[in-house]
Protein backbone atom coordinates (compact mmCIF):
# COMPACT_ATOMS: atom_id res chain seq x y z
CA UNK A 1 -21.06 7.74 -14.86
CA UNK A 2 -17.52 6.23 -15.16
CA UNK A 3 -16.04 3.29 -13.24
CA UNK A 4 -13.84 5.54 -11.17
CA UNK A 5 -16.86 7.51 -9.93
CA UNK A 6 -18.56 4.15 -9.17
CA UNK A 7 -15.56 3.04 -7.23
CA UNK A 8 -15.67 6.27 -5.32
CA UNK A 9 -19.19 5.65 -4.39
CA UNK A 10 -18.63 2.16 -3.08
CA UNK A 11 -15.62 3.41 -1.11
CA UNK A 12 -17.69 6.30 0.49
CA UNK A 13 -20.54 3.92 1.25
CA UNK A 14 -18.18 1.46 2.99
CA UNK A 15 -17.34 4.10 5.47
CA UNK A 16 -20.96 4.45 6.49
CA UNK A 17 -22.65 1.12 6.11
CA UNK A 18 -22.05 -2.56 6.79
CA UNK A 19 -21.80 -5.13 4.03
CA UNK A 20 -23.76 -7.60 6.15
CA UNK A 21 -27.51 -8.39 5.40
CA UNK A 22 -30.10 -7.30 7.94
CA UNK A 23 -31.76 -10.78 7.60
CA UNK A 24 -30.91 -13.17 10.35
CA UNK A 25 -29.96 -16.78 9.52
CA UNK A 26 -27.70 -19.70 10.60
CA UNK A 27 -27.43 -21.66 7.32
CA UNK A 28 -27.74 -21.35 3.57
CA UNK A 29 -31.21 -22.80 3.79
CA UNK A 30 -32.41 -20.36 6.49
CA UNK A 31 -31.09 -17.52 4.20
CA UNK A 32 -32.96 -18.86 1.22
CA UNK A 33 -36.26 -18.95 3.10
CA UNK A 34 -35.66 -15.56 4.60
CA UNK A 35 -34.88 -13.96 1.19
CA UNK A 36 -38.03 -15.49 -0.26
CA UNK A 37 -40.12 -14.01 2.61
CA UNK A 38 -38.44 -10.61 2.23
CA UNK A 39 -40.12 -9.80 -1.03
CA UNK A 40 -42.29 -6.74 -0.44
CA UNK A 41 -41.72 -7.08 3.20
CA UNK A 42 -39.37 -5.50 5.71
CA UNK A 43 -36.37 -7.37 6.95
CA UNK A 44 -37.50 -6.59 10.58
CA UNK A 45 -40.82 -8.43 9.94
CA UNK A 46 -39.13 -11.28 8.34
CA UNK A 47 -36.73 -11.66 11.27
CA UNK A 48 -39.67 -11.84 13.54
CA UNK A 49 -41.31 -14.53 11.70
CA UNK A 50 -38.16 -16.61 11.06
CA UNK A 51 -37.17 -16.47 14.67
CA UNK A 52 -40.21 -18.55 15.45
CA UNK A 53 -40.40 -20.51 12.18
CA UNK A 54 -36.82 -21.74 12.33
CA UNK A 55 -37.12 -23.11 15.79
CA UNK A 56 -38.82 -26.13 14.32
CA UNK A 57 -38.48 -25.89 10.52
CA UNK A 58 -34.95 -24.84 9.68
CA UNK A 59 -34.13 -27.59 7.14
CA UNK A 60 -35.96 -28.61 3.87
CA UNK A 61 -36.82 -31.93 5.42
CA UNK A 62 -38.53 -30.33 8.40
CA UNK A 63 -40.13 -27.61 6.35
CA UNK A 64 -41.87 -30.23 4.17
CA UNK A 65 -43.60 -31.65 7.25
CA UNK A 66 -45.82 -28.57 7.01
CA UNK A 67 -48.76 -28.38 4.66
CA UNK A 68 -49.19 -25.37 2.44
CA UNK A 69 -51.92 -24.13 4.79
CA UNK A 70 -49.82 -24.62 7.85
CA UNK A 71 -46.84 -22.71 6.44
CA UNK A 72 -49.13 -19.96 5.25
CA UNK A 73 -50.32 -19.45 8.87
CA UNK A 74 -46.63 -19.23 10.04
CA UNK A 75 -45.60 -16.62 7.48
CA UNK A 76 -48.96 -14.74 7.14
CA UNK A 77 -47.68 -11.43 8.41
CA UNK A 78 -44.96 -11.35 5.70
CA UNK A 79 -47.59 -10.71 2.96
CA UNK A 80 -48.11 -12.60 -0.23
CA UNK A 81 -48.19 -15.70 2.05
CA UNK A 82 -49.80 -18.08 -0.32
CA UNK A 83 -47.23 -17.60 -3.01
CA UNK A 84 -44.31 -17.50 -0.68
CA UNK A 85 -45.40 -20.72 1.03
CA UNK A 86 -45.62 -22.34 -2.41
CA UNK A 87 -42.19 -21.16 -3.31
CA UNK A 88 -40.59 -22.34 -0.05
CA UNK A 89 -42.18 -25.74 -0.23
CA UNK A 90 -41.29 -26.23 -3.91
CA UNK A 91 -37.80 -25.12 -3.30
CA UNK A 92 -37.43 -27.37 -0.38
CA UNK A 93 -38.70 -30.27 -2.41
CA UNK A 94 -36.13 -29.58 -5.12
CA UNK A 95 -33.29 -29.30 -2.71
CA UNK A 96 -34.02 -32.77 -1.30
CA UNK A 97 -34.75 -34.43 -4.59
CA UNK A 98 -32.08 -32.81 -6.75
CA UNK A 99 -29.37 -31.81 -4.39
CA UNK A 100 -29.29 -34.39 -1.59
CA UNK A 101 -30.86 -32.06 0.94
CA UNK A 102 -28.31 -29.27 0.67
CA UNK A 103 -28.69 -25.87 -0.80
CA UNK A 104 -26.70 -25.79 -4.11
CA UNK A 105 -23.74 -23.54 -4.30
CA UNK A 106 -23.76 -22.29 -7.92
CA UNK A 107 -26.01 -19.61 -9.39
CA UNK A 108 -27.13 -21.90 -12.24
CA UNK A 109 -28.32 -24.55 -9.70
CA UNK A 110 -29.80 -21.96 -7.29
CA UNK A 111 -31.82 -20.57 -10.14
CA UNK A 112 -33.01 -24.02 -11.07
CA UNK A 113 -34.87 -24.29 -7.74
CA UNK A 114 -38.63 -24.07 -8.04
CA UNK A 115 -39.82 -20.61 -6.83
CA UNK A 116 -36.26 -19.16 -6.81
CA UNK A 117 -35.80 -16.12 -9.01
CA UNK A 118 -32.75 -14.34 -10.06
CA UNK A 119 -32.66 -11.84 -7.08
CA UNK A 120 -33.01 -14.62 -4.51
CA UNK A 121 -30.37 -16.81 -6.09
CA UNK A 122 -27.95 -13.93 -6.33
CA UNK A 123 -28.39 -13.07 -2.59
CA UNK A 124 -27.84 -16.68 -1.43
CA UNK A 125 -24.88 -17.15 -3.74
CA UNK A 126 -23.11 -13.94 -2.60
CA UNK A 127 -23.92 -14.01 1.10
CA UNK A 128 -24.02 -17.79 1.87
CA UNK A 129 -21.33 -18.82 -0.50
CA UNK A 130 -19.27 -15.76 -0.98
CA UNK A 131 -19.77 -15.48 -4.69
CA UNK A 132 -19.67 -12.40 -6.80
CA UNK A 133 -23.23 -11.31 -7.75
CA UNK A 134 -25.37 -8.23 -7.54
CA UNK A 135 -28.94 -8.87 -6.35
CA UNK A 136 -31.32 -6.06 -7.56
CA UNK A 137 -34.29 -5.58 -5.28
CA UNK A 138 -36.66 -2.58 -5.25
CA UNK A 139 -34.11 -0.48 -3.30
CA UNK A 140 -31.22 -1.31 -5.46
CA UNK A 141 -33.20 -0.72 -8.66
CA UNK A 142 -34.45 2.66 -7.45
CA UNK A 143 -31.29 3.96 -5.96
CA UNK A 144 -28.90 2.93 -8.62
CA UNK A 145 -30.87 4.40 -11.36
CA UNK A 146 -31.54 7.55 -9.41
CA UNK A 147 -27.89 8.29 -8.55
CA UNK A 148 -26.58 7.32 -12.05
CA UNK A 149 -24.90 3.93 -11.50
CA UNK A 150 -27.48 2.65 -14.03
CA UNK A 151 -29.96 4.14 -16.46
CA UNK A 152 -32.28 1.31 -17.13
CA UNK A 153 -36.05 0.58 -17.08
CA UNK A 154 -35.99 -2.98 -15.82
CA UNK A 155 -34.40 -5.07 -13.09
CA UNK A 156 -32.33 -7.34 -15.35
CA UNK A 157 -30.79 -4.63 -17.39
CA UNK A 158 -30.04 -2.72 -14.17
CA UNK A 159 -28.13 -5.68 -12.80
CA UNK A 160 -26.13 -5.95 -16.04
CA UNK A 161 -25.31 -2.23 -15.84
CA UNK A 162 -24.16 -2.50 -12.26
CA UNK A 163 -21.95 -5.54 -13.06
CA UNK A 164 -20.40 -3.45 -15.90
CA UNK A 165 -19.52 -0.29 -13.87
CA UNK A 166 -18.74 -1.80 -10.53
CA UNK A 167 -15.66 -3.86 -9.97
CA UNK A 168 -16.49 -7.60 -9.63
CA UNK A 169 -14.84 -7.95 -6.25
CA UNK A 170 -17.26 -5.25 -5.05
CA UNK A 171 -20.43 -6.71 -6.41
CA UNK A 172 -21.73 -8.37 -3.28
CA UNK A 173 -20.92 -5.60 -0.86
CA UNK A 174 -22.22 -2.91 -3.26
CA UNK A 175 -25.64 -4.66 -3.08
CA UNK A 176 -25.82 -4.20 0.62
CA UNK A 177 -24.38 -0.68 0.61
CA UNK A 178 -26.96 0.46 -1.98
CA UNK A 179 -29.76 -1.11 0.08
CA UNK A 180 -28.83 0.59 3.27
CA UNK A 181 -28.41 3.99 1.40
CA UNK A 182 -31.96 3.59 0.05
CA UNK A 183 -33.36 2.98 3.47
CA UNK A 184 -31.54 5.69 5.25
CA UNK A 185 -30.83 8.60 2.81
CA UNK A 186 -32.07 7.84 -0.70
CA UNK A 187 -35.64 7.17 0.24
CA UNK A 188 -38.34 6.81 -2.33
CA UNK A 189 -40.59 9.63 -1.31
CA UNK A 190 -38.33 12.21 0.28
CA UNK A 191 -34.51 11.62 -0.11
CA UNK A 192 -32.20 13.29 2.36
CA UNK A 193 -29.77 14.58 -0.38
CA UNK A 194 -28.02 17.18 1.79
CA UNK A 195 -26.76 14.56 4.28
CA UNK A 196 -26.27 11.74 1.86
CA UNK A 197 -22.67 10.39 2.04
CA UNK A 198 -22.41 10.21 -1.76
CA UNK A 199 -24.21 13.36 -2.88
CA UNK A 200 -21.05 14.78 -4.53
CA UNK A 201 -21.08 11.76 -6.88
CA UNK A 202 -24.84 11.46 -7.43
CA UNK A 203 -25.83 12.65 -10.84
CA UNK A 204 -29.33 13.74 -9.77
CA UNK A 205 -27.91 15.84 -6.87
CA UNK A 206 -25.12 17.42 -8.92
CA UNK A 207 -27.52 18.38 -11.70
CA UNK A 208 -29.90 20.11 -9.24
């Protein structure tokens, strides 16, 4: 696929989907926690959990008043609650000790937080701080390689491929568009190719 086709895909998706995340948050810290919780979990479930959690624990200082076990109980329904609780508490501790209690605003600093991986850092950087980054989650990985924006076997190489073929100013919104495309049309099990807004550009559809 060439850059012109990629541009056409982003333009077509912009007419159908929003470039805003489905996760609900009121601060960079809340977004960070929500993204950590969203791994292998639906945004709807995360929003239900954080609606209650953030009433009392919406800053790293407040979050650290919870023990690991107490936080696990709060986020249990998001799945992988032990690991996620550990990540949230570790990141919160780093934010306080290394960044004066504020979520850092650069990719390098975000990725330095304990428990924060590349995808989480990219989401926070692009959404909270309006930076240019493409976060590759399971939807983005699956859809971008299916439609031809990338042809890679792992997440990191897919991210690099997308950065190469999509204009930098479109990186952040492309991430959201591809996620929504994966949820509504380009589903893992049974994609709705006939009604897909970008089927004329999709390599898999065109080759059928």
